[in-house]
Amino acid sequence: MKRVAILLSGGGSNMVRLVNSMAGDHPARPCLVLSNDPNAGGLAKARAMGVPTAAVDHRPFRGDRAAFEAALSEPLRAAAPDIVCLAGFMRILTAPFISDWEGRMLNIHPSLLPAYRGLDTNARAIAAGDQQAGCTVHEVTAELDDGPILGQARVPVHDSDTADTLAARVLTMEHRLYPAVLRRFAQDDRTPIRMEWAGEA
């Protein structure tokens, strides 16, 4: 049985879907939910689901990313995960930290990578006149929002969309894609998963 640690910074909606998926005959189980914000809403949700939690506030480490990552590594290493899932973790990790987990760390990004690395992905897709947007699960490498793609889900972009309405549609697909990729990845299968919007509102 694979052990999965999940890193988050906010409310943890993807974390909830991942944790709920790891039941029954799933090949993995959650071992830790870790945040850079002690007040992140996702920590309370994880505790309510019986998942161990930890927090390392990044703010006292301002200007010293290496010290922050050293502190972050302590509870992560103690949990001894086989897989680390970034789920709305809003800190850029350095190459030395990533190298410790490379090949075992996943991230979900709200665009169809390689398009729109970084922030404001949905606003950028609308501004470009794209007809489709979506999300990508990929292995984490030292290059930002790069690494082998393990799954993508596409949604339509409507003429009436704002960044918020498009983001809501993308998030619906994130909640489907990430658990599907994790299950496959935990079985040592890196075959990419493709999903299409099925016409939900």
N, C-alpha and C. Protein backbone atom coordinates (compact mmCIF):
# COMPACT_ATOMS: atom_id res chain seq x y z
N MET A 1 0.84 -1.20 0.00
CA MET A 1 0.00 0.00 0.00
C MET A 1 0.88 1.26 0.00
N LYS A 2 0.70 2.11 -0.99
CA LYS A 2 1.50 3.33 -1.09
C LYS A 2 0.99 4.38 -0.09
N ARG A 3 1.93 5.16 0.43
CA ARG A 3 1.61 6.24 1.36
C ARG A 3 1.68 7.57 0.61
N VAL A 4 0.66 8.41 0.79
CA VAL A 4 0.55 9.65 0.04
C VAL A 4 0.50 10.84 0.99
N ALA A 5 1.40 11.80 0.78
CA ALA A 5 1.36 13.08 1.49
C ALA A 5 0.83 14.14 0.52
N ILE A 6 0.01 15.04 1.02
CA ILE A 6 -0.61 16.07 0.20
C ILE A 6 -0.23 17.43 0.77
N LEU A 7 0.31 18.30 -0.08
CA LEU A 7 0.70 19.66 0.32
C LEU A 7 -0.30 20.65 -0.23
N LEU A 8 -0.75 21.58 0.61
CA LEU A 8 -1.73 22.58 0.19
C LEU A 8 -1.48 23.89 0.89
N SER A 9 -2.13 24.94 0.36
CA SER A 9 -2.02 26.27 0.96
C SER A 9 -3.38 26.87 1.31
N GLY A 10 -4.46 26.29 0.81
CA GLY A 10 -5.77 26.92 0.96
C GLY A 10 -6.83 25.96 1.46
N GLY A 11 -7.99 26.03 0.81
CA GLY A 11 -9.16 25.29 1.28
C GLY A 11 -9.13 23.80 1.07
N GLY A 12 -8.30 23.35 0.13
CA GLY A 12 -8.07 21.92 0.02
C GLY A 12 -9.13 21.13 -0.71
N SER A 13 -9.81 21.73 -1.70
CA SER A 13 -10.87 20.96 -2.37
C SER A 13 -10.28 19.76 -3.14
N ASN A 14 -9.13 19.92 -3.77
CA ASN A 14 -8.52 18.77 -4.45
C ASN A 14 -8.03 17.75 -3.44
N MET A 15 -7.51 18.20 -2.31
CA MET A 15 -7.09 17.28 -1.26
C MET A 15 -8.25 16.41 -0.81
N VAL A 16 -9.42 17.01 -0.60
CA VAL A 16 -10.59 16.26 -0.16
C VAL A 16 -10.92 15.15 -1.16
N ARG A 17 -10.88 15.50 -2.46
CA ARG A 17 -11.18 14.49 -3.48
C ARG A 17 -10.14 13.38 -3.48
N LEU A 18 -8.86 13.74 -3.31
CA LEU A 18 -7.82 12.72 -3.28
C LEU A 18 -7.99 11.80 -2.08
N VAL A 19 -8.22 12.38 -0.90
CA VAL A 19 -8.36 11.56 0.31
C VAL A 19 -9.58 10.64 0.18
N ASN A 20 -10.70 11.20 -0.27
CA ASN A 20 -11.91 10.38 -0.39
C ASN A 20 -11.74 9.25 -1.40
N SER A 21 -10.89 9.48 -2.39
CA SER A 21 -10.69 8.43 -3.41
C SER A 21 -9.85 7.27 -2.89
N MET A 22 -9.03 7.53 -1.89
CA MET A 22 -8.11 6.50 -1.39
C MET A 22 -8.81 5.61 -0.37
N ALA A 23 -9.69 4.76 -0.85
CA ALA A 23 -10.48 3.87 -0.01
C ALA A 23 -10.70 2.58 -0.78
N GLY A 24 -11.22 1.59 -0.09
CA GLY A 24 -11.54 0.33 -0.74
C GLY A 24 -10.31 -0.32 -1.35
N ASP A 25 -10.39 -0.64 -2.64
CA ASP A 25 -9.28 -1.34 -3.30
C ASP A 25 -8.23 -0.40 -3.87
N HIS A 26 -8.29 0.87 -3.49
CA HIS A 26 -7.29 1.83 -3.98
C HIS A 26 -5.91 1.41 -3.48
N PRO A 27 -4.88 1.55 -4.33
CA PRO A 27 -3.54 1.09 -3.94
C PRO A 27 -2.78 2.04 -3.04
N ALA A 28 -3.42 3.11 -2.55
CA ALA A 28 -2.72 4.08 -1.71
C ALA A 28 -3.63 4.57 -0.59
N ARG A 29 -2.99 5.15 0.42
CA ARG A 29 -3.71 5.75 1.54
C ARG A 29 -3.01 7.06 1.93
N PRO A 30 -3.77 8.05 2.42
CA PRO A 30 -3.14 9.31 2.85
C PRO A 30 -2.39 9.13 4.17
N CYS A 31 -1.20 9.72 4.24
CA CYS A 31 -0.43 9.63 5.49
C CYS A 31 -0.20 11.00 6.12
N LEU A 32 -0.39 12.10 5.35
CA LEU A 32 -0.14 13.44 5.88
C LEU A 32 -0.75 14.48 4.96
N VAL A 33 -1.32 15.53 5.56
CA VAL A 33 -1.65 16.76 4.84
C VAL A 33 -0.83 17.86 5.47
N LEU A 34 -0.02 18.52 4.64
CA LEU A 34 0.98 19.48 5.11
C LEU A 34 0.73 20.82 4.43
N SER A 35 0.81 21.91 5.20
CA SER A 35 0.56 23.24 4.64
C SER A 35 1.64 24.23 5.06
N ASN A 36 1.82 25.26 4.23
CA ASN A 36 2.69 26.38 4.58
C ASN A 36 1.94 27.46 5.33
N ASP A 37 0.62 27.24 5.58
CA ASP A 37 -0.23 28.20 6.29
C ASP A 37 -0.95 27.47 7.41
N PRO A 38 -0.61 27.76 8.66
CA PRO A 38 -1.26 27.06 9.77
C PRO A 38 -2.77 27.26 9.81
N ASN A 39 -3.27 28.30 9.15
CA ASN A 39 -4.70 28.58 9.14
C ASN A 39 -5.39 28.09 7.87
N ALA A 40 -4.70 27.36 7.04
CA ALA A 40 -5.31 26.87 5.80
C ALA A 40 -6.54 26.03 6.11
N GLY A 41 -7.61 26.30 5.40
CA GLY A 41 -8.86 25.58 5.64
C GLY A 41 -8.73 24.09 5.38
N GLY A 42 -7.83 23.72 4.49
CA GLY A 42 -7.66 22.31 4.17
C GLY A 42 -7.17 21.48 5.35
N LEU A 43 -6.45 22.09 6.28
CA LEU A 43 -5.95 21.34 7.44
C LEU A 43 -7.11 20.86 8.31
N ALA A 44 -8.08 21.73 8.56
CA ALA A 44 -9.24 21.33 9.37
C ALA A 44 -10.03 20.24 8.67
N LYS A 45 -10.16 20.35 7.35
CA LYS A 45 -10.89 19.31 6.59
C LYS A 45 -10.16 17.98 6.69
N ALA A 46 -8.84 18.01 6.60
CA ALA A 46 -8.07 16.78 6.70
C ALA A 46 -8.22 16.14 8.07
N ARG A 47 -8.13 16.97 9.10
CA ARG A 47 -8.29 16.43 10.46
C ARG A 47 -9.67 15.81 10.64
N ALA A 48 -10.68 16.44 10.07
CA ALA A 48 -12.04 15.91 10.17
C ALA A 48 -12.18 14.56 9.47
N MET A 49 -11.32 14.32 8.48
CA MET A 49 -11.33 13.04 7.77
C MET A 49 -10.36 12.03 8.38
N GLY A 50 -9.72 12.41 9.48
CA GLY A 50 -8.84 11.50 10.18
C GLY A 50 -7.44 11.38 9.62
N VAL A 51 -7.03 12.40 8.84
CA VAL A 51 -5.69 12.37 8.24
C VAL A 51 -4.74 13.20 9.09
N PRO A 52 -3.56 12.71 9.42
CA PRO A 52 -2.60 13.51 10.19
C PRO A 52 -2.25 14.79 9.42
N THR A 53 -2.03 15.87 10.17
CA THR A 53 -1.71 17.15 9.55
C THR A 53 -0.48 17.78 10.20
N ALA A 54 0.14 18.69 9.46
CA ALA A 54 1.25 19.49 9.98
C ALA A 54 1.28 20.79 9.20
N ALA A 55 1.87 21.81 9.79
CA ALA A 55 2.01 23.10 9.12
C ALA A 55 3.38 23.69 9.44
N VAL A 56 3.97 24.29 8.41
CA VAL A 56 5.22 25.04 8.56
C VAL A 56 4.98 26.40 7.94
N ASP A 57 4.76 27.39 8.79
CA ASP A 57 4.46 28.74 8.32
C ASP A 57 5.67 29.30 7.56
N HIS A 58 5.45 29.68 6.31
CA HIS A 58 6.57 30.17 5.50
C HIS A 58 6.98 31.60 5.88
N ARG A 59 6.10 32.33 6.55
CA ARG A 59 6.36 33.76 6.75
C ARG A 59 7.58 34.06 7.61
N PRO A 60 7.85 33.31 8.67
CA PRO A 60 9.08 33.61 9.43
C PRO A 60 10.37 33.37 8.65
N PHE A 61 10.26 32.66 7.53
CA PHE A 61 11.45 32.33 6.74
C PHE A 61 11.64 33.27 5.55
N ARG A 62 10.96 34.40 5.57
CA ARG A 62 11.01 35.33 4.45
C ARG A 62 12.45 35.61 4.03
N GLY A 63 12.73 35.38 2.76
CA GLY A 63 14.07 35.62 2.24
C GLY A 63 15.02 34.45 2.39
N ASP A 64 14.57 33.37 3.03
CA ASP A 64 15.44 32.21 3.23
C ASP A 64 14.66 30.95 2.85
N ARG A 65 14.52 30.74 1.56
CA ARG A 65 13.72 29.62 1.07
C ARG A 65 14.34 28.28 1.49
N ALA A 66 15.65 28.21 1.52
CA ALA A 66 16.31 26.96 1.89
C ALA A 66 15.96 26.56 3.33
N ALA A 67 15.92 27.54 4.23
CA ALA A 67 15.56 27.23 5.62
C ALA A 67 14.11 26.80 5.72
N PHE A 68 13.22 27.46 4.95
CA PHE A 68 11.82 27.06 4.95
C PHE A 68 11.68 25.62 4.46
N GLU A 69 12.36 25.30 3.38
CA GLU A 69 12.23 23.96 2.82
C GLU A 69 12.84 22.90 3.74
N ALA A 70 13.88 23.27 4.46
CA ALA A 70 14.45 22.34 5.44
C ALA A 70 13.44 22.04 6.54
N ALA A 71 12.73 23.10 6.99
CA ALA A 71 11.70 22.90 8.01
C ALA A 71 10.53 22.09 7.45
N LEU A 72 10.17 22.37 6.20
CA LEU A 72 9.06 21.65 5.56
C LEU A 72 9.39 20.17 5.40
N SER A 73 10.65 19.87 5.17
CA SER A 73 11.06 18.49 4.95
C SER A 73 10.92 17.63 6.20
N GLU A 74 10.98 18.25 7.38
CA GLU A 74 10.98 17.45 8.61
C GLU A 74 9.69 16.63 8.76
N PRO A 75 8.50 17.27 8.78
CA PRO A 75 7.29 16.45 8.91
C PRO A 75 7.05 15.58 7.69
N LEU A 76 7.50 16.04 6.52
CA LEU A 76 7.30 15.25 5.31
C LEU A 76 8.11 13.96 5.38
N ARG A 77 9.37 14.08 5.73
CA ARG A 77 10.20 12.87 5.85
C ARG A 77 9.70 11.96 6.96
N ALA A 78 9.24 12.55 8.05
CA ALA A 78 8.74 11.74 9.16
C ALA A 78 7.53 10.90 8.75
N ALA A 79 6.73 11.42 7.82
CA ALA A 79 5.55 10.68 7.36
C ALA A 79 5.91 9.58 6.38
N ALA A 80 7.12 9.63 5.82
CA ALA A 80 7.65 8.61 4.91
C ALA A 80 6.70 8.28 3.76
N PRO A 81 6.29 9.30 2.99
CA PRO A 81 5.38 9.03 1.88
C PRO A 81 6.11 8.38 0.69
N ASP A 82 5.37 7.59 -0.05
CA ASP A 82 5.85 7.07 -1.33
C ASP A 82 5.57 8.05 -2.46
N ILE A 83 4.50 8.83 -2.29
CA ILE A 83 4.06 9.79 -3.30
C ILE A 83 3.74 11.11 -2.59
N VAL A 84 4.12 12.23 -3.20
CA VAL A 84 3.78 13.55 -2.68
C VAL A 84 2.92 14.25 -3.74
N CYS A 85 1.74 14.70 -3.33
CA CYS A 85 0.82 15.39 -4.23
C CYS A 85 0.73 16.86 -3.83
N LEU A 86 1.08 17.75 -4.74
CA LEU A 86 0.85 19.18 -4.55
C LEU A 86 -0.57 19.48 -4.99
N ALA A 87 -1.35 20.06 -4.09
CA ALA A 87 -2.77 20.31 -4.39
C ALA A 87 -3.10 21.73 -3.94
N GLY A 88 -2.75 22.69 -4.80
CA GLY A 88 -2.93 24.09 -4.42
C GLY A 88 -1.88 24.55 -3.43
N PHE A 89 -0.66 24.05 -3.59
CA PHE A 89 0.45 24.48 -2.74
C PHE A 89 1.11 25.66 -3.44
N MET A 90 0.98 26.84 -2.83
CA MET A 90 1.30 28.08 -3.54
C MET A 90 2.70 28.63 -3.23
N ARG A 91 3.63 27.74 -3.01
CA ARG A 91 5.02 28.15 -2.86
C ARG A 91 5.84 27.47 -3.95
N ILE A 92 6.74 28.22 -4.57
CA ILE A 92 7.63 27.64 -5.57
C ILE A 92 8.74 26.89 -4.83
N LEU A 93 8.91 25.63 -5.18
CA LEU A 93 9.91 24.79 -4.53
C LEU A 93 11.20 24.81 -5.33
N THR A 94 12.33 24.73 -4.62
CA THR A 94 13.62 24.80 -5.29
C THR A 94 14.04 23.42 -5.81
N ALA A 95 15.02 23.46 -6.70
CA ALA A 95 15.51 22.22 -7.30
C ALA A 95 16.03 21.22 -6.26
N PRO A 96 16.78 21.64 -5.24
CA PRO A 96 17.26 20.65 -4.26
C PRO A 96 16.11 19.94 -3.53
N PHE A 97 15.05 20.69 -3.18
CA PHE A 97 13.91 20.06 -2.51
C PHE A 97 13.23 19.08 -3.46
N ILE A 98 12.99 19.52 -4.68
CA ILE A 98 12.30 18.67 -5.66
C ILE A 98 13.10 17.42 -5.95
N SER A 99 14.42 17.53 -6.00
CA SER A 99 15.25 16.37 -6.34
C SER A 99 15.09 15.24 -5.33
N ASP A 100 14.78 15.60 -4.08
CA ASP A 100 14.57 14.58 -3.05
C ASP A 100 13.35 13.72 -3.34
N TRP A 101 12.39 14.29 -4.09
CA TRP A 101 11.12 13.60 -4.33
C TRP A 101 10.85 13.37 -5.81
N GLU A 102 11.80 13.71 -6.65
CA GLU A 102 11.56 13.62 -8.09
C GLU A 102 11.20 12.19 -8.49
N GLY A 103 10.22 12.09 -9.37
CA GLY A 103 9.69 10.79 -9.75
C GLY A 103 8.59 10.29 -8.84
N ARG A 104 8.39 11.02 -7.73
CA ARG A 104 7.35 10.64 -6.76
C ARG A 104 6.42 11.81 -6.43
N MET A 105 6.65 12.98 -7.05
CA MET A 105 5.88 14.18 -6.72
C MET A 105 5.01 14.59 -7.89
N LEU A 106 3.73 14.80 -7.62
CA LEU A 106 2.75 15.20 -8.63
C LEU A 106 2.23 16.59 -8.32
N ASN A 107 1.77 17.27 -9.37
CA ASN A 107 1.13 18.58 -9.22
C ASN A 107 -0.04 18.67 -10.19
N ILE A 108 -1.04 19.45 -9.81
CA ILE A 108 -2.12 19.77 -10.74
C ILE A 108 -2.08 21.26 -11.03
N HIS A 109 -2.21 21.59 -12.32
CA HIS A 109 -2.08 22.97 -12.78
C HIS A 109 -3.29 23.32 -13.64
N PRO A 110 -3.90 24.49 -13.43
CA PRO A 110 -5.13 24.84 -14.14
C PRO A 110 -4.91 25.41 -15.54
N SER A 111 -4.22 24.65 -16.38
CA SER A 111 -4.12 24.97 -17.80
C SER A 111 -3.76 23.69 -18.53
N LEU A 112 -3.85 23.76 -19.85
CA LEU A 112 -3.42 22.63 -20.68
C LEU A 112 -1.94 22.83 -21.00
N LEU A 113 -1.11 22.41 -20.07
CA LEU A 113 0.34 22.57 -20.26
C LEU A 113 0.77 21.91 -21.57
N PRO A 114 1.75 22.51 -22.26
CA PRO A 114 2.68 23.55 -21.79
C PRO A 114 2.16 24.98 -21.87
N ALA A 115 0.91 25.18 -22.24
CA ALA A 115 0.36 26.54 -22.28
C ALA A 115 0.15 27.09 -20.87
N TYR A 116 0.46 28.36 -20.68
CA TYR A 116 0.11 29.12 -19.48
C TYR A 116 0.68 28.53 -18.19
N ARG A 117 1.99 28.41 -18.17
CA ARG A 117 2.63 28.13 -16.88
C ARG A 117 2.45 29.34 -15.97
N GLY A 118 2.53 29.12 -14.66
CA GLY A 118 2.43 30.24 -13.73
C GLY A 118 1.00 30.54 -13.33
N LEU A 119 0.73 31.82 -13.08
CA LEU A 119 -0.54 32.26 -12.49
C LEU A 119 -1.50 32.81 -13.54
N ASP A 120 -2.74 33.07 -13.09
CA ASP A 120 -3.78 33.73 -13.91
C ASP A 120 -4.04 32.97 -15.20
N THR A 121 -4.05 31.66 -15.11
CA THR A 121 -4.14 30.84 -16.32
C THR A 121 -5.46 31.03 -17.07
N ASN A 122 -6.56 31.10 -16.34
CA ASN A 122 -7.86 31.17 -17.01
C ASN A 122 -8.07 32.54 -17.67
N ALA A 123 -7.65 33.60 -17.00
CA ALA A 123 -7.73 34.93 -17.60
C ALA A 123 -6.88 35.00 -18.86
N ARG A 124 -5.73 34.37 -18.84
CA ARG A 124 -4.84 34.38 -20.00
C ARG A 124 -5.44 33.59 -21.16
N ALA A 125 -6.11 32.47 -20.85
CA ALA A 125 -6.75 31.68 -21.91
C ALA A 125 -7.88 32.46 -22.57
N ILE A 126 -8.66 33.19 -21.76
CA ILE A 126 -9.75 34.00 -22.30
C ILE A 126 -9.18 35.13 -23.16
N ALA A 127 -8.16 35.79 -22.64
CA ALA A 127 -7.56 36.92 -23.37
C ALA A 127 -6.98 36.48 -24.71
N ALA A 128 -6.51 35.24 -24.78
CA ALA A 128 -5.93 34.74 -26.02
C ALA A 128 -6.98 34.27 -27.02
N GLY A 129 -8.24 34.23 -26.59
CA GLY A 129 -9.30 33.77 -27.47
C GLY A 129 -9.35 32.26 -27.62
N ASP A 130 -8.79 31.54 -26.66
CA ASP A 130 -8.79 30.08 -26.73
C ASP A 130 -10.22 29.53 -26.69
N GLN A 131 -10.46 28.46 -27.42
CA GLN A 131 -11.77 27.80 -27.39
C GLN A 131 -11.84 26.70 -26.35
N GLN A 132 -10.66 26.26 -25.87
CA GLN A 132 -10.59 25.24 -24.84
C GLN A 132 -9.60 25.65 -23.76
N ALA A 133 -9.92 25.26 -22.55
CA ALA A 133 -8.99 25.40 -21.43
C ALA A 133 -9.01 24.06 -20.69
N GLY A 134 -8.43 24.03 -19.50
CA GLY A 134 -8.45 22.76 -18.78
C GLY A 134 -7.40 22.71 -17.69
N CYS A 135 -7.02 21.48 -17.35
CA CYS A 135 -6.06 21.28 -16.27
C CYS A 135 -5.15 20.11 -16.63
N THR A 136 -4.01 20.08 -15.96
CA THR A 136 -2.97 19.09 -16.23
C THR A 136 -2.42 18.56 -14.91
N VAL A 137 -2.27 17.25 -14.81
CA VAL A 137 -1.50 16.64 -13.72
C VAL A 137 -0.16 16.20 -14.31
N HIS A 138 0.91 16.60 -13.65
CA HIS A 138 2.24 16.28 -14.17
C HIS A 138 3.18 15.94 -13.03
N GLU A 139 4.24 15.23 -13.37
CA GLU A 139 5.32 15.02 -12.41
C GLU A 139 6.05 16.34 -12.21
N VAL A 140 6.49 16.59 -11.00
CA VAL A 140 7.17 17.85 -10.68
C VAL A 140 8.67 17.70 -10.96
N THR A 141 9.18 18.67 -11.72
CA THR A 141 10.61 18.77 -11.95
C THR A 141 11.05 20.17 -11.55
N ALA A 142 12.34 20.44 -11.66
CA ALA A 142 12.87 21.73 -11.22
C ALA A 142 12.34 22.89 -12.05
N GLU A 143 11.91 22.61 -13.27
CA GLU A 143 11.34 23.65 -14.14
C GLU A 143 9.89 23.88 -13.75
N LEU A 144 9.49 25.15 -13.55
CA LEU A 144 8.15 25.48 -13.08
C LEU A 144 7.08 24.95 -14.03
N ASP A 145 6.10 24.23 -13.46
CA ASP A 145 4.95 23.72 -14.22
C ASP A 145 5.39 22.94 -15.46
N ASP A 146 6.42 22.15 -15.27
CA ASP A 146 6.97 21.33 -16.34
C ASP A 146 6.91 19.88 -15.87
N GLY A 147 7.61 19.02 -16.54
CA GLY A 147 7.65 17.62 -16.13
C GLY A 147 6.68 16.79 -16.94
N PRO A 148 6.89 15.47 -16.96
CA PRO A 148 6.05 14.59 -17.75
C PRO A 148 4.57 14.73 -17.41
N ILE A 149 3.75 14.82 -18.45
CA ILE A 149 2.30 14.97 -18.26
C ILE A 149 1.67 13.61 -18.01
N LEU A 150 0.90 13.50 -16.94
CA LEU A 150 0.24 12.26 -16.56
C LEU A 150 -1.26 12.28 -16.83
N GLY A 151 -1.81 13.46 -17.08
CA GLY A 151 -3.23 13.54 -17.39
C GLY A 151 -3.64 14.96 -17.73
N GLN A 152 -4.62 15.07 -18.63
CA GLN A 152 -5.19 16.38 -18.95
C GLN A 152 -6.70 16.24 -19.12
N ALA A 153 -7.40 17.28 -18.70
CA ALA A 153 -8.85 17.36 -18.88
C ALA A 153 -9.18 18.68 -19.55
N ARG A 154 -10.01 18.63 -20.58
CA ARG A 154 -10.35 19.82 -21.38
C ARG A 154 -11.77 20.27 -21.08
N VAL A 155 -11.94 21.59 -21.08
CA VAL A 155 -13.28 22.18 -20.94
C VAL A 155 -13.44 23.25 -22.02
N PRO A 156 -14.67 23.53 -22.44
CA PRO A 156 -14.88 24.60 -23.41
C PRO A 156 -14.75 25.96 -22.76
N VAL A 157 -14.33 26.94 -23.54
CA VAL A 157 -14.34 28.33 -23.12
C VAL A 157 -15.53 28.99 -23.82
N HIS A 158 -16.47 29.54 -23.04
CA HIS A 158 -17.65 30.19 -23.59
C HIS A 158 -17.40 31.67 -23.81
N ASP A 159 -18.10 32.25 -24.76
CA ASP A 159 -17.96 33.68 -25.04
C ASP A 159 -18.28 34.53 -23.81
N SER A 160 -19.17 34.03 -22.97
CA SER A 160 -19.61 34.78 -21.79
C SER A 160 -18.71 34.57 -20.58
N ASP A 161 -17.69 33.74 -20.70
CA ASP A 161 -16.87 33.38 -19.53
C ASP A 161 -16.09 34.56 -18.98
N THR A 162 -16.01 34.58 -17.67
CA THR A 162 -15.01 35.38 -16.95
C THR A 162 -13.96 34.40 -16.43
N ALA A 163 -12.87 34.95 -15.90
CA ALA A 163 -11.86 34.08 -15.32
C ALA A 163 -12.45 33.19 -14.22
N ASP A 164 -13.40 33.74 -13.46
CA ASP A 164 -13.99 32.98 -12.35
C ASP A 164 -14.90 31.86 -12.85
N THR A 165 -15.73 32.15 -13.85
CA THR A 165 -16.64 31.09 -14.34
C THR A 165 -15.85 29.98 -15.03
N LEU A 166 -14.82 30.35 -15.76
CA LEU A 166 -13.99 29.33 -16.39
C LEU A 166 -13.23 28.52 -15.35
N ALA A 167 -12.71 29.21 -14.32
CA ALA A 167 -11.99 28.51 -13.26
C ALA A 167 -12.88 27.49 -12.56
N ALA A 168 -14.16 27.83 -12.37
CA ALA A 168 -15.09 26.90 -11.72
C ALA A 168 -15.28 25.64 -12.57
N ARG A 169 -15.36 25.82 -13.89
CA ARG A 169 -15.52 24.68 -14.78
C ARG A 169 -14.26 23.82 -14.78
N VAL A 170 -13.11 24.47 -14.79
CA VAL A 170 -11.85 23.74 -14.74
C VAL A 170 -11.72 22.97 -13.44
N LEU A 171 -12.12 23.59 -12.32
CA LEU A 171 -12.00 22.94 -11.02
C LEU A 171 -12.85 21.66 -10.96
N THR A 172 -14.01 21.69 -11.57
CA THR A 172 -14.83 20.48 -11.63
C THR A 172 -14.05 19.33 -12.24
N MET A 173 -13.29 19.62 -13.29
CA MET A 173 -12.51 18.58 -13.95
C MET A 173 -11.25 18.22 -13.16
N GLU A 174 -10.69 19.20 -12.44
CA GLU A 174 -9.56 18.87 -11.56
C GLU A 174 -9.96 17.79 -10.56
N HIS A 175 -11.17 17.94 -10.02
CA HIS A 175 -11.65 17.00 -9.00
C HIS A 175 -11.85 15.60 -9.55
N ARG A 176 -12.01 15.47 -10.85
CA ARG A 176 -12.13 14.15 -11.49
C ARG A 176 -10.77 13.62 -11.92
N LEU A 177 -9.95 14.51 -12.48
CA LEU A 177 -8.69 14.08 -13.08
C LEU A 177 -7.66 13.65 -12.04
N TYR A 178 -7.47 14.46 -11.00
CA TYR A 178 -6.38 14.20 -10.06
C TYR A 178 -6.53 12.84 -9.38
N PRO A 179 -7.72 12.49 -8.85
CA PRO A 179 -7.85 11.16 -8.25
C PRO A 179 -7.60 10.03 -9.24
N ALA A 180 -8.03 10.22 -10.49
CA ALA A 180 -7.82 9.16 -11.50
C ALA A 180 -6.34 8.97 -11.78
N VAL A 181 -5.59 10.08 -11.90
CA VAL A 181 -4.16 9.98 -12.15
C VAL A 181 -3.45 9.37 -10.94
N LEU A 182 -3.80 9.80 -9.74
CA LEU A 182 -3.15 9.26 -8.55
C LEU A 182 -3.33 7.75 -8.46
N ARG A 183 -4.53 7.27 -8.70
CA ARG A 183 -4.76 5.83 -8.62
C ARG A 183 -3.85 5.09 -9.60
N ARG A 184 -3.76 5.59 -10.82
CA ARG A 184 -2.94 4.95 -11.83
C ARG A 184 -1.46 5.05 -11.46
N PHE A 185 -1.04 6.22 -10.99
CA PHE A 185 0.36 6.44 -10.61
C PHE A 185 0.77 5.52 -9.46
N ALA A 186 -0.14 5.33 -8.51
CA ALA A 186 0.14 4.46 -7.36
C ALA A 186 0.28 3.00 -7.77
N GLN A 187 -0.17 2.68 -8.96
CA GLN A 187 0.00 1.33 -9.52
C GLN A 187 1.22 1.28 -10.45
N ASP A 188 2.05 2.33 -10.36
CA ASP A 188 3.26 2.43 -11.19
C ASP A 188 2.95 2.49 -12.68
N ASP A 189 1.80 3.09 -13.00
CA ASP A 189 1.38 3.26 -14.39
C ASP A 189 1.39 4.75 -14.70
N ARG A 190 2.26 5.15 -15.61
CA ARG A 190 2.38 6.57 -15.98
C ARG A 190 1.71 6.88 -17.33
N THR A 191 0.87 5.99 -17.80
CA THR A 191 0.14 6.23 -19.04
C THR A 191 -0.77 7.45 -18.86
N PRO A 192 -0.66 8.48 -19.70
CA PRO A 192 -1.48 9.68 -19.50
C PRO A 192 -2.98 9.41 -19.63
N ILE A 193 -3.74 10.09 -18.82
CA ILE A 193 -5.21 10.03 -18.85
C ILE A 193 -5.73 11.28 -19.56
N ARG A 194 -6.70 11.11 -20.43
CA ARG A 194 -7.32 12.23 -21.13
C ARG A 194 -8.81 12.25 -20.77
N MET A 195 -9.30 13.41 -20.40
CA MET A 195 -10.71 13.59 -20.08
C MET A 195 -11.26 14.77 -20.85
N GLU A 196 -12.54 14.69 -21.20
CA GLU A 196 -13.23 15.77 -21.89
C GLU A 196 -14.45 16.19 -21.07
N TRP A 197 -14.78 17.45 -21.16
CA TRP A 197 -15.98 18.01 -20.53
C TRP A 197 -17.20 17.28 -21.06
N ALA A 198 -18.08 16.86 -20.17
CA ALA A 198 -19.22 16.04 -20.57
C ALA A 198 -20.52 16.83 -20.65
N GLY A 199 -20.41 18.15 -20.65
CA GLY A 199 -21.61 18.96 -20.84
C GLY A 199 -22.29 19.41 -19.56
N GLU A 200 -21.58 19.28 -18.42
CA GLU A 200 -22.17 19.80 -17.20
C GLU A 200 -22.32 21.31 -17.30
N ALA A 201 -23.15 21.85 -16.43
CA ALA A 201 -23.40 23.30 -16.47
C ALA A 201 -22.14 24.05 -16.09
